[in-house]
Amino acid sequence: MANGIEVDLDALRAAADSLAATGQQLGAAVSGLESTVNGAGSPWGADEAGSLFGAVYVEVLTHALDVFRSMGDQLLETSANLDQSADAYEAIDTANSELFTRMELPSGYAATS
């Protein structure tokens, strides 16, 4: 049986920072990709084959960019959730420590085993 739960708050916050940085980098990369791709205009032409290709290309590109943007957003959301978890663990630990301090009796701790 386990002797308790230990949470490394520094590691949790470092992971949150790393995920946030990755999410921001992905967001910037997607924006750069979108600018580059959209800056090329419609190089496939206006004939029937080019029009068909262009319609499919735009649809696939839009979906791909949406998926990549969503991945970046999810990384940022996960980062925020990890930070909130670290804050909650820290608050619980502080509250428990204060509770046990208040329970101490003049002759020693209230419970001995």
N, C-alpha and C. Protein backbone atom coordinates (compact mmCIF):
# COMPACT_ATOMS: atom_id res chain seq x y z
N MET A 1 0.84 -1.17 0.00
CA MET A 1 0.00 0.00 0.00
C MET A 1 0.88 1.24 0.00
N ALA A 2 0.44 2.26 -0.67
CA ALA A 2 1.21 3.50 -0.79
C ALA A 2 1.23 4.25 0.54
N ASN A 3 2.30 5.00 0.74
CA ASN A 3 2.44 5.79 1.96
C ASN A 3 1.90 7.20 1.80
N GLY A 4 1.33 7.54 0.69
CA GLY A 4 0.79 8.87 0.47
C GLY A 4 0.97 9.31 -0.96
N ILE A 5 0.58 10.51 -1.18
CA ILE A 5 0.68 11.09 -2.52
C ILE A 5 1.66 12.26 -2.46
N GLU A 6 2.58 12.28 -3.38
CA GLU A 6 3.51 13.40 -3.47
C GLU A 6 3.35 14.05 -4.83
N VAL A 7 3.21 15.35 -4.83
CA VAL A 7 3.09 16.10 -6.08
C VAL A 7 4.26 17.07 -6.14
N ASP A 8 5.02 16.99 -7.20
CA ASP A 8 6.15 17.89 -7.40
C ASP A 8 5.63 19.14 -8.10
N LEU A 9 5.36 20.17 -7.31
CA LEU A 9 4.77 21.40 -7.86
C LEU A 9 5.68 22.08 -8.87
N ASP A 10 6.98 22.05 -8.63
CA ASP A 10 7.91 22.67 -9.57
C ASP A 10 7.86 21.95 -10.92
N ALA A 11 7.82 20.62 -10.88
CA ALA A 11 7.76 19.85 -12.13
C ALA A 11 6.43 20.08 -12.84
N LEU A 12 5.35 20.17 -12.08
CA LEU A 12 4.03 20.41 -12.66
C LEU A 12 3.99 21.78 -13.35
N ARG A 13 4.54 22.77 -12.68
CA ARG A 13 4.56 24.12 -13.26
C ARG A 13 5.52 24.20 -14.46
N ALA A 14 6.63 23.48 -14.39
CA ALA A 14 7.57 23.45 -15.52
C ALA A 14 6.92 22.80 -16.73
N ALA A 15 6.16 21.74 -16.50
CA ALA A 15 5.44 21.08 -17.61
C ALA A 15 4.41 22.03 -18.20
N ALA A 16 3.73 22.78 -17.35
CA ALA A 16 2.75 23.76 -17.83
C ALA A 16 3.43 24.82 -18.68
N ASP A 17 4.57 25.31 -18.23
CA ASP A 17 5.31 26.32 -19.00
C ASP A 17 5.76 25.77 -20.36
N SER A 18 6.22 24.53 -20.35
CA SER A 18 6.68 23.90 -21.59
C SER A 18 5.52 23.73 -22.58
N LEU A 19 4.37 23.28 -22.08
CA LEU A 19 3.20 23.13 -22.96
C LEU A 19 2.74 24.48 -23.49
N ALA A 20 2.78 25.51 -22.65
CA ALA A 20 2.37 26.84 -23.10
C ALA A 20 3.30 27.34 -24.20
N ALA A 21 4.59 27.15 -24.02
CA ALA A 21 5.55 27.58 -25.04
C ALA A 21 5.32 26.83 -26.35
N THR A 22 5.07 25.53 -26.26
CA THR A 22 4.82 24.73 -27.46
C THR A 22 3.54 25.17 -28.14
N GLY A 23 2.50 25.44 -27.36
CA GLY A 23 1.24 25.91 -27.93
C GLY A 23 1.39 27.24 -28.63
N GLN A 24 2.18 28.14 -28.04
CA GLN A 24 2.42 29.45 -28.66
C GLN A 24 3.23 29.30 -29.94
N GLN A 25 4.24 28.43 -29.91
CA GLN A 25 5.05 28.19 -31.11
C GLN A 25 4.20 27.60 -32.23
N LEU A 26 3.34 26.65 -31.88
CA LEU A 26 2.47 26.05 -32.89
C LEU A 26 1.53 27.08 -33.47
N GLY A 27 0.96 27.93 -32.64
CA GLY A 27 0.08 28.99 -33.12
C GLY A 27 0.80 29.92 -34.08
N ALA A 28 2.02 30.31 -33.74
CA ALA A 28 2.80 31.19 -34.61
C ALA A 28 3.15 30.49 -35.92
N ALA A 29 3.49 29.21 -35.84
CA ALA A 29 3.83 28.45 -37.05
C ALA A 29 2.62 28.32 -37.98
N VAL A 30 1.45 28.09 -37.41
CA VAL A 30 0.23 27.98 -38.21
C VAL A 30 -0.08 29.31 -38.88
N SER A 31 0.07 30.40 -38.15
CA SER A 31 -0.16 31.72 -38.74
C SER A 31 0.81 31.99 -39.88
N GLY A 32 2.07 31.63 -39.68
CA GLY A 32 3.07 31.80 -40.74
C GLY A 32 2.76 30.94 -41.95
N LEU A 33 2.37 29.70 -41.72
CA LEU A 33 2.00 28.80 -42.82
C LEU A 33 0.81 29.35 -43.58
N GLU A 34 -0.18 29.81 -42.85
CA GLU A 34 -1.38 30.36 -43.49
C GLU A 34 -1.04 31.57 -44.36
N SER A 35 -0.19 32.44 -43.86
CA SER A 35 0.22 33.62 -44.64
C SER A 35 0.97 33.21 -45.90
N THR A 36 1.87 32.26 -45.76
CA THR A 36 2.66 31.80 -46.90
C THR A 36 1.78 31.16 -47.96
N VAL A 37 0.91 30.26 -47.52
CA VAL A 37 0.06 29.53 -48.46
C VAL A 37 -0.94 30.46 -49.13
N ASN A 38 -1.55 31.32 -48.35
CA ASN A 38 -2.54 32.23 -48.92
C ASN A 38 -1.89 33.32 -49.78
N GLY A 39 -0.64 33.61 -49.52
CA GLY A 39 0.08 34.62 -50.30
C GLY A 39 0.37 34.17 -51.72
N ALA A 40 0.29 32.88 -51.97
CA ALA A 40 0.57 32.36 -53.31
C ALA A 40 -0.59 32.59 -54.28
N GLY A 41 -1.73 33.01 -53.76
CA GLY A 41 -2.88 33.22 -54.63
C GLY A 41 -3.49 31.90 -55.07
N SER A 42 -3.88 31.85 -56.35
CA SER A 42 -4.50 30.64 -56.92
C SER A 42 -3.67 30.17 -58.10
N PRO A 43 -2.52 29.55 -57.85
CA PRO A 43 -1.61 29.20 -58.94
C PRO A 43 -2.08 28.04 -59.81
N TRP A 44 -3.19 27.41 -59.48
CA TRP A 44 -3.65 26.25 -60.23
C TRP A 44 -4.44 26.62 -61.48
N GLY A 45 -4.72 27.89 -61.68
CA GLY A 45 -5.38 28.32 -62.91
C GLY A 45 -6.90 28.32 -62.80
N ALA A 46 -7.53 28.80 -63.88
CA ALA A 46 -8.98 28.97 -63.88
C ALA A 46 -9.68 27.97 -64.79
N ASP A 47 -8.92 27.07 -65.41
CA ASP A 47 -9.57 26.07 -66.27
C ASP A 47 -10.32 25.06 -65.40
N GLU A 48 -10.97 24.10 -66.03
CA GLU A 48 -11.79 23.14 -65.29
C GLU A 48 -10.98 22.34 -64.27
N ALA A 49 -9.85 21.82 -64.70
CA ALA A 49 -9.00 21.03 -63.79
C ALA A 49 -8.48 21.89 -62.65
N GLY A 50 -8.04 23.10 -62.97
CA GLY A 50 -7.54 24.00 -61.94
C GLY A 50 -8.62 24.40 -60.95
N SER A 51 -9.81 24.65 -61.45
CA SER A 51 -10.93 25.02 -60.58
C SER A 51 -11.30 23.88 -59.63
N LEU A 52 -11.32 22.65 -60.16
CA LEU A 52 -11.61 21.49 -59.31
C LEU A 52 -10.53 21.31 -58.24
N PHE A 53 -9.27 21.40 -58.68
CA PHE A 53 -8.17 21.26 -57.74
C PHE A 53 -8.25 22.36 -56.68
N GLY A 54 -8.49 23.59 -57.11
CA GLY A 54 -8.55 24.72 -56.19
C GLY A 54 -9.63 24.56 -55.14
N ALA A 55 -10.79 24.07 -55.55
CA ALA A 55 -11.89 23.89 -54.60
C ALA A 55 -11.52 22.86 -53.53
N VAL A 56 -10.94 21.76 -53.96
CA VAL A 56 -10.54 20.72 -53.01
C VAL A 56 -9.40 21.23 -52.13
N TYR A 57 -8.43 21.88 -52.74
CA TYR A 57 -7.27 22.40 -52.01
C TYR A 57 -7.69 23.35 -50.90
N VAL A 58 -8.56 24.29 -51.22
CA VAL A 58 -9.00 25.27 -50.23
C VAL A 58 -9.74 24.58 -49.08
N GLU A 59 -10.57 23.60 -49.41
CA GLU A 59 -11.31 22.87 -48.38
C GLU A 59 -10.36 22.11 -47.45
N VAL A 60 -9.41 21.40 -48.03
CA VAL A 60 -8.45 20.63 -47.23
C VAL A 60 -7.55 21.57 -46.42
N LEU A 61 -7.09 22.63 -47.04
CA LEU A 61 -6.24 23.60 -46.34
C LEU A 61 -6.96 24.21 -45.14
N THR A 62 -8.20 24.62 -45.34
CA THR A 62 -8.98 25.21 -44.26
C THR A 62 -9.11 24.24 -43.09
N HIS A 63 -9.43 22.99 -43.40
CA HIS A 63 -9.57 21.98 -42.35
C HIS A 63 -8.23 21.74 -41.64
N ALA A 64 -7.16 21.62 -42.40
CA ALA A 64 -5.85 21.36 -41.80
C ALA A 64 -5.43 22.51 -40.87
N LEU A 65 -5.62 23.74 -41.31
CA LEU A 65 -5.26 24.88 -40.48
C LEU A 65 -6.12 24.93 -39.22
N ASP A 66 -7.40 24.61 -39.35
CA ASP A 66 -8.28 24.57 -38.17
C ASP A 66 -7.81 23.51 -37.17
N VAL A 67 -7.40 22.35 -37.68
CA VAL A 67 -6.92 21.28 -36.80
C VAL A 67 -5.64 21.71 -36.09
N PHE A 68 -4.71 22.29 -36.82
CA PHE A 68 -3.45 22.73 -36.21
C PHE A 68 -3.69 23.83 -35.18
N ARG A 69 -4.58 24.78 -35.49
CA ARG A 69 -4.92 25.83 -34.54
C ARG A 69 -5.52 25.22 -33.27
N SER A 70 -6.40 24.25 -33.46
CA SER A 70 -7.04 23.58 -32.33
C SER A 70 -6.01 22.88 -31.46
N MET A 71 -5.01 22.26 -32.08
CA MET A 71 -3.95 21.59 -31.31
C MET A 71 -3.21 22.60 -30.44
N GLY A 72 -2.88 23.75 -31.00
CA GLY A 72 -2.22 24.79 -30.22
C GLY A 72 -3.08 25.27 -29.07
N ASP A 73 -4.37 25.47 -29.35
CA ASP A 73 -5.30 25.90 -28.30
C ASP A 73 -5.41 24.86 -27.19
N GLN A 74 -5.43 23.59 -27.57
CA GLN A 74 -5.52 22.52 -26.58
C GLN A 74 -4.26 22.47 -25.70
N LEU A 75 -3.11 22.71 -26.30
CA LEU A 75 -1.87 22.75 -25.51
C LEU A 75 -1.92 23.90 -24.51
N LEU A 76 -2.41 25.06 -24.94
CA LEU A 76 -2.51 26.21 -24.04
C LEU A 76 -3.53 25.94 -22.92
N GLU A 77 -4.63 25.30 -23.26
CA GLU A 77 -5.64 24.98 -22.25
C GLU A 77 -5.10 23.96 -21.25
N THR A 78 -4.38 22.96 -21.73
CA THR A 78 -3.79 21.97 -20.83
C THR A 78 -2.77 22.62 -19.91
N SER A 79 -2.00 23.54 -20.45
CA SER A 79 -1.03 24.27 -19.65
C SER A 79 -1.72 25.02 -18.51
N ALA A 80 -2.79 25.72 -18.84
CA ALA A 80 -3.54 26.46 -17.82
C ALA A 80 -4.11 25.51 -16.77
N ASN A 81 -4.60 24.36 -17.21
CA ASN A 81 -5.15 23.37 -16.26
C ASN A 81 -4.07 22.83 -15.33
N LEU A 82 -2.87 22.60 -15.85
CA LEU A 82 -1.77 22.13 -15.00
C LEU A 82 -1.40 23.19 -13.97
N ASP A 83 -1.36 24.45 -14.39
CA ASP A 83 -1.08 25.53 -13.44
C ASP A 83 -2.15 25.60 -12.35
N GLN A 84 -3.41 25.46 -12.74
CA GLN A 84 -4.49 25.48 -11.75
C GLN A 84 -4.38 24.29 -10.80
N SER A 85 -4.00 23.14 -11.32
CA SER A 85 -3.81 21.96 -10.47
C SER A 85 -2.69 22.19 -9.47
N ALA A 86 -1.59 22.75 -9.93
CA ALA A 86 -0.47 23.04 -9.02
C ALA A 86 -0.91 24.01 -7.93
N ASP A 87 -1.65 25.04 -8.31
CA ASP A 87 -2.15 26.01 -7.32
C ASP A 87 -3.07 25.32 -6.31
N ALA A 88 -3.94 24.44 -6.80
CA ALA A 88 -4.87 23.74 -5.91
C ALA A 88 -4.13 22.81 -4.96
N TYR A 89 -3.16 22.05 -5.47
CA TYR A 89 -2.38 21.17 -4.59
C TYR A 89 -1.63 21.98 -3.53
N GLU A 90 -1.07 23.10 -3.94
CA GLU A 90 -0.33 23.94 -3.00
C GLU A 90 -1.27 24.49 -1.92
N ALA A 91 -2.45 24.94 -2.32
CA ALA A 91 -3.41 25.48 -1.36
C ALA A 91 -3.88 24.40 -0.38
N ILE A 92 -4.12 23.21 -0.89
CA ILE A 92 -4.55 22.10 -0.03
C ILE A 92 -3.44 21.74 0.95
N ASP A 93 -2.21 21.68 0.47
CA ASP A 93 -1.08 21.35 1.34
C ASP A 93 -0.90 22.40 2.43
N THR A 94 -1.03 23.66 2.06
CA THR A 94 -0.91 24.75 3.05
C THR A 94 -2.03 24.66 4.08
N ALA A 95 -3.26 24.44 3.61
CA ALA A 95 -4.39 24.34 4.54
C ALA A 95 -4.23 23.14 5.47
N ASN A 96 -3.78 22.01 4.95
CA ASN A 96 -3.58 20.83 5.80
C ASN A 96 -2.47 21.07 6.82
N SER A 97 -1.41 21.73 6.40
CA SER A 97 -0.31 22.03 7.32
C SER A 97 -0.79 22.94 8.45
N GLU A 98 -1.58 23.95 8.09
CA GLU A 98 -2.12 24.86 9.11
C GLU A 98 -3.06 24.13 10.06
N LEU A 99 -3.85 23.21 9.52
CA LEU A 99 -4.77 22.43 10.35
C LEU A 99 -4.00 21.59 11.36
N PHE A 100 -2.97 20.90 10.90
CA PHE A 100 -2.19 20.07 11.82
C PHE A 100 -1.43 20.91 12.84
N THR A 101 -1.01 22.10 12.46
CA THR A 101 -0.34 22.99 13.40
C THR A 101 -1.30 23.41 14.50
N ARG A 102 -2.54 23.70 14.14
CA ARG A 102 -3.54 24.09 15.14
C ARG A 102 -3.93 22.92 16.05
N MET A 103 -3.79 21.70 15.57
CA MET A 103 -4.16 20.52 16.35
C MET A 103 -3.09 20.14 17.37
N GLU A 104 -1.91 20.73 17.29
CA GLU A 104 -0.82 20.36 18.19
C GLU A 104 -1.17 20.75 19.63
N LEU A 105 -0.94 19.84 20.54
CA LEU A 105 -1.21 20.07 21.96
C LEU A 105 0.08 20.54 22.65
N PRO A 106 -0.06 21.19 23.80
CA PRO A 106 1.13 21.67 24.51
C PRO A 106 2.15 20.57 24.80
N SER A 107 1.69 19.34 25.05
CA SER A 107 2.63 18.27 25.37
C SER A 107 3.08 17.49 24.14
N GLY A 108 2.69 17.92 22.98
CA GLY A 108 3.09 17.22 21.76
C GLY A 108 1.91 17.10 20.81
N TYR A 109 2.07 16.30 19.80
CA TYR A 109 1.01 16.16 18.80
C TYR A 109 -0.18 15.41 19.37
N ALA A 110 -1.36 15.71 18.85
CA ALA A 110 -2.61 15.12 19.34
C ALA A 110 -2.66 13.62 19.09
N ALA A 111 -2.13 13.19 17.99
CA ALA A 111 -2.21 11.77 17.66
C ALA A 111 -0.81 11.20 17.54
N THR A 112 -0.59 10.07 18.18
CA THR A 112 0.69 9.37 18.03
C THR A 112 0.39 7.95 17.62
N SER A 113 1.30 7.37 16.90
CA SER A 113 1.08 5.98 16.49
C SER A 113 2.29 5.15 16.76
